Amino acid sequence: MPQISYFLGVIIRMFYRDHNPPHFHAVYGDYEAIIDIEHNEIIGGYLPPRVLGIVAEWTALHQIELLDNWERARNQDQLKNIDPLV
């Protein structure tokens, strides 16, 4: 599963040819959550509230890039790195 961003200890990854809805995986230590890109909410797993807030902020800033990467992953094209939250 390719890593597309990393910030503040959070790894953002996407699977190739993954199931709908468009989403990504956010990993923080032992925690992992699946984040729905369009609704910017957890659809599986868990992140501590503070980390979830950071991931939600990043998602809102990069929603178009995330959806572009989702389409790339569905077509098995190379994914683009997305700038971290700074």
N, C-alpha and C. Protein backbone atom coordinates (compact mmCIF):
# COMPACT_ATOMS: atom_id res chain seq x y z
N MET A 1 0.86 -1.17 0.00
CA MET A 1 0.00 0.00 0.00
C MET A 1 0.91 1.23 0.00
N PRO A 2 0.87 2.02 -1.06
CA PRO A 2 1.76 3.18 -1.17
C PRO A 2 1.47 4.28 -0.15
N GLN A 3 2.54 4.83 0.37
CA GLN A 3 2.44 5.98 1.25
C GLN A 3 2.39 7.23 0.39
N ILE A 4 1.40 8.10 0.63
CA ILE A 4 1.28 9.31 -0.18
C ILE A 4 1.58 10.58 0.61
N SER A 5 1.63 10.48 1.94
CA SER A 5 2.00 11.63 2.75
C SER A 5 2.41 11.17 4.15
N TYR A 6 3.14 12.04 4.83
CA TYR A 6 3.55 11.77 6.21
C TYR A 6 3.68 13.10 6.93
N PHE A 7 3.04 13.24 8.08
CA PHE A 7 3.15 14.47 8.86
C PHE A 7 2.80 14.18 10.31
N LEU A 8 3.56 14.79 11.21
CA LEU A 8 3.30 14.72 12.65
C LEU A 8 3.07 13.30 13.15
N GLY A 9 3.81 12.36 12.60
CA GLY A 9 3.69 10.96 13.00
C GLY A 9 2.58 10.19 12.33
N VAL A 10 1.86 10.82 11.42
CA VAL A 10 0.73 10.18 10.73
C VAL A 10 1.17 9.76 9.32
N ILE A 11 0.96 8.51 9.00
CA ILE A 11 1.24 7.99 7.66
C ILE A 11 -0.07 7.89 6.91
N ILE A 12 -0.11 8.44 5.70
CA ILE A 12 -1.30 8.38 4.86
C ILE A 12 -1.00 7.43 3.71
N ARG A 13 -1.86 6.42 3.54
CA ARG A 13 -1.66 5.40 2.50
C ARG A 13 -2.96 5.17 1.72
N MET A 14 -2.78 4.63 0.50
CA MET A 14 -3.91 4.20 -0.32
C MET A 14 -3.59 2.86 -0.93
N PHE A 15 -4.60 2.01 -1.00
CA PHE A 15 -4.48 0.72 -1.68
C PHE A 15 -4.80 0.90 -3.16
N TYR A 16 -4.19 0.08 -3.99
CA TYR A 16 -4.58 0.03 -5.40
C TYR A 16 -5.85 -0.78 -5.54
N ARG A 17 -6.74 -0.32 -6.42
CA ARG A 17 -8.00 -1.01 -6.73
C ARG A 17 -8.80 -1.37 -5.48
N ASP A 18 -8.90 -0.43 -4.58
CA ASP A 18 -9.63 -0.64 -3.33
C ASP A 18 -11.13 -0.43 -3.56
N HIS A 19 -11.92 -0.83 -2.60
CA HIS A 19 -13.39 -0.75 -2.68
C HIS A 19 -13.86 0.69 -2.47
N ASN A 20 -15.06 0.99 -2.96
CA ASN A 20 -15.69 2.29 -2.70
C ASN A 20 -16.23 2.31 -1.29
N PRO A 21 -16.44 3.46 -0.69
CA PRO A 21 -16.29 4.81 -1.23
C PRO A 21 -14.82 5.21 -1.27
N PRO A 22 -14.50 6.29 -2.01
CA PRO A 22 -13.12 6.77 -2.04
C PRO A 22 -12.62 7.06 -0.63
N HIS A 23 -11.48 6.48 -0.28
CA HIS A 23 -10.96 6.62 1.08
C HIS A 23 -9.45 6.43 1.09
N PHE A 24 -8.87 6.72 2.24
CA PHE A 24 -7.46 6.44 2.47
C PHE A 24 -7.31 5.89 3.89
N HIS A 25 -6.12 5.38 4.16
CA HIS A 25 -5.82 4.83 5.48
C HIS A 25 -4.86 5.77 6.18
N ALA A 26 -5.18 6.14 7.41
CA ALA A 26 -4.31 6.97 8.23
C ALA A 26 -3.79 6.10 9.38
N VAL A 27 -2.47 6.04 9.51
CA VAL A 27 -1.85 5.20 10.53
C VAL A 27 -1.07 6.11 11.48
N TYR A 28 -1.31 5.94 12.77
CA TYR A 28 -0.61 6.70 13.80
C TYR A 28 -0.24 5.74 14.91
N GLY A 29 1.02 5.36 14.97
CA GLY A 29 1.45 4.37 15.97
C GLY A 29 0.70 3.07 15.78
N ASP A 30 0.03 2.62 16.83
CA ASP A 30 -0.75 1.38 16.77
C ASP A 30 -2.17 1.58 16.27
N TYR A 31 -2.54 2.82 15.97
CA TYR A 31 -3.90 3.13 15.53
C TYR A 31 -3.97 3.23 14.01
N GLU A 32 -5.10 2.82 13.46
CA GLU A 32 -5.34 2.98 12.03
C GLU A 32 -6.82 3.25 11.80
N ALA A 33 -7.08 4.19 10.90
CA ALA A 33 -8.46 4.51 10.56
C ALA A 33 -8.58 4.62 9.05
N ILE A 34 -9.76 4.31 8.56
CA ILE A 34 -10.10 4.50 7.16
C ILE A 34 -10.94 5.76 7.08
N ILE A 35 -10.50 6.71 6.24
CA ILE A 35 -11.14 8.01 6.15
C ILE A 35 -11.83 8.16 4.80
N ASP A 36 -13.13 8.42 4.83
CA ASP A 36 -13.90 8.72 3.62
C ASP A 36 -13.48 10.11 3.13
N ILE A 37 -12.99 10.18 1.89
CA ILE A 37 -12.46 11.44 1.36
C ILE A 37 -13.57 12.47 1.18
N GLU A 38 -14.67 12.09 0.59
CA GLU A 38 -15.72 13.05 0.26
C GLU A 38 -16.43 13.61 1.49
N HIS A 39 -16.61 12.79 2.52
CA HIS A 39 -17.31 13.23 3.73
C HIS A 39 -16.36 13.58 4.87
N ASN A 40 -15.06 13.31 4.68
CA ASN A 40 -14.03 13.62 5.68
C ASN A 40 -14.41 13.08 7.05
N GLU A 41 -14.69 11.76 7.09
CA GLU A 41 -15.05 11.12 8.34
C GLU A 41 -14.53 9.69 8.39
N ILE A 42 -14.38 9.18 9.58
CA ILE A 42 -13.91 7.80 9.77
C ILE A 42 -15.03 6.84 9.35
N ILE A 43 -14.66 5.84 8.53
CA ILE A 43 -15.61 4.79 8.17
C ILE A 43 -15.15 3.43 8.70
N GLY A 44 -14.01 3.42 9.38
CA GLY A 44 -13.51 2.20 9.99
C GLY A 44 -12.29 2.50 10.83
N GLY A 45 -12.09 1.73 11.86
CA GLY A 45 -10.91 1.90 12.70
C GLY A 45 -11.06 3.04 13.70
N TYR A 46 -9.92 3.51 14.20
CA TYR A 46 -9.92 4.52 15.25
C TYR A 46 -8.63 5.33 15.20
N LEU A 47 -8.75 6.62 15.47
CA LEU A 47 -7.61 7.50 15.73
C LEU A 47 -7.93 8.30 16.99
N PRO A 48 -6.93 8.60 17.81
CA PRO A 48 -7.19 9.47 18.95
C PRO A 48 -7.78 10.79 18.47
N PRO A 49 -8.66 11.42 19.25
CA PRO A 49 -9.34 12.64 18.82
C PRO A 49 -8.41 13.74 18.30
N ARG A 50 -7.29 13.98 18.97
CA ARG A 50 -6.36 15.02 18.54
C ARG A 50 -5.81 14.71 17.16
N VAL A 51 -5.44 13.46 16.93
CA VAL A 51 -4.89 13.03 15.64
C VAL A 51 -5.97 13.08 14.57
N LEU A 52 -7.18 12.67 14.91
CA LEU A 52 -8.28 12.74 13.96
C LEU A 52 -8.52 14.18 13.51
N GLY A 53 -8.42 15.13 14.41
CA GLY A 53 -8.58 16.53 14.05
C GLY A 53 -7.52 16.99 13.06
N ILE A 54 -6.30 16.56 13.27
CA ILE A 54 -5.19 16.91 12.36
C ILE A 54 -5.43 16.29 10.98
N VAL A 55 -5.83 15.03 10.97
CA VAL A 55 -6.09 14.34 9.70
C VAL A 55 -7.28 14.98 8.98
N ALA A 56 -8.31 15.36 9.72
CA ALA A 56 -9.47 16.01 9.10
C ALA A 56 -9.09 17.35 8.47
N GLU A 57 -8.24 18.11 9.16
CA GLU A 57 -7.77 19.39 8.61
C GLU A 57 -6.99 19.16 7.32
N TRP A 58 -6.08 18.18 7.33
CA TRP A 58 -5.28 17.86 6.15
C TRP A 58 -6.17 17.39 5.01
N THR A 59 -7.15 16.55 5.31
CA THR A 59 -8.07 16.04 4.28
C THR A 59 -8.82 17.18 3.61
N ALA A 60 -9.32 18.13 4.40
CA ALA A 60 -10.05 19.26 3.85
C ALA A 60 -9.17 20.08 2.90
N LEU A 61 -7.90 20.22 3.23
CA LEU A 61 -6.97 20.99 2.40
C LEU A 61 -6.62 20.28 1.09
N HIS A 62 -6.66 18.95 1.10
CA HIS A 62 -6.15 18.17 -0.04
C HIS A 62 -7.19 17.25 -0.66
N GLN A 63 -8.46 17.56 -0.50
CA GLN A 63 -9.52 16.68 -0.99
C GLN A 63 -9.41 16.41 -2.50
N ILE A 64 -9.16 17.43 -3.30
CA ILE A 64 -9.07 17.23 -4.76
C ILE A 64 -7.90 16.32 -5.11
N GLU A 65 -6.76 16.53 -4.46
CA GLU A 65 -5.59 15.68 -4.72
C GLU A 65 -5.85 14.24 -4.28
N LEU A 66 -6.55 14.08 -3.17
CA LEU A 66 -6.87 12.74 -2.69
C LEU A 66 -7.80 12.02 -3.67
N LEU A 67 -8.81 12.72 -4.17
CA LEU A 67 -9.71 12.10 -5.13
C LEU A 67 -8.99 11.76 -6.44
N ASP A 68 -8.05 12.61 -6.84
CA ASP A 68 -7.23 12.32 -8.02
C ASP A 68 -6.40 11.05 -7.79
N ASN A 69 -5.79 10.95 -6.63
CA ASN A 69 -5.02 9.74 -6.31
C ASN A 69 -5.92 8.51 -6.23
N TRP A 70 -7.15 8.69 -5.75
CA TRP A 70 -8.09 7.56 -5.69
C TRP A 70 -8.31 7.00 -7.09
N GLU A 71 -8.54 7.89 -8.06
CA GLU A 71 -8.74 7.44 -9.44
C GLU A 71 -7.47 6.81 -10.00
N ARG A 72 -6.33 7.37 -9.68
CA ARG A 72 -5.06 6.78 -10.12
C ARG A 72 -4.91 5.36 -9.56
N ALA A 73 -5.23 5.20 -8.28
CA ALA A 73 -5.11 3.88 -7.65
C ALA A 73 -6.08 2.88 -8.28
N ARG A 74 -7.28 3.32 -8.57
CA ARG A 74 -8.26 2.43 -9.21
C ARG A 74 -7.78 1.97 -10.58
N ASN A 75 -7.01 2.83 -11.26
CA ASN A 75 -6.48 2.50 -12.59
C ASN A 75 -5.07 1.94 -12.54
N GLN A 76 -4.57 1.69 -11.34
CA GLN A 76 -3.23 1.18 -11.10
C GLN A 76 -2.15 2.08 -11.70
N ASP A 77 -2.39 3.40 -11.67
CA ASP A 77 -1.38 4.37 -12.08
C ASP A 77 -0.56 4.76 -10.85
N GLN A 78 0.59 5.35 -11.10
CA GLN A 78 1.45 5.79 -9.99
C GLN A 78 0.75 6.90 -9.21
N LEU A 79 0.78 6.79 -7.90
CA LEU A 79 0.16 7.80 -7.04
C LEU A 79 1.12 8.97 -6.84
N LYS A 80 0.54 10.15 -6.65
CA LYS A 80 1.34 11.34 -6.40
C LYS A 80 1.44 11.59 -4.91
N ASN A 81 2.61 12.05 -4.47
CA ASN A 81 2.76 12.46 -3.08
C ASN A 81 1.95 13.72 -2.85
N ILE A 82 1.42 13.85 -1.65
CA ILE A 82 0.64 15.03 -1.26
C ILE A 82 1.38 15.71 -0.13
N ASP A 83 1.46 17.04 -0.21
CA ASP A 83 2.18 17.82 0.80
C ASP A 83 1.65 17.51 2.19
N PRO A 84 2.56 17.49 3.16
CA PRO A 84 2.14 17.26 4.55
C PRO A 84 1.48 18.49 5.15
N LEU A 85 0.88 18.31 6.28
CA LEU A 85 0.34 19.42 7.05
C LEU A 85 1.50 20.04 7.81
N VAL A 86 1.68 21.34 7.68
CA VAL A 86 2.81 21.99 8.38
C VAL A 86 2.31 23.10 9.28
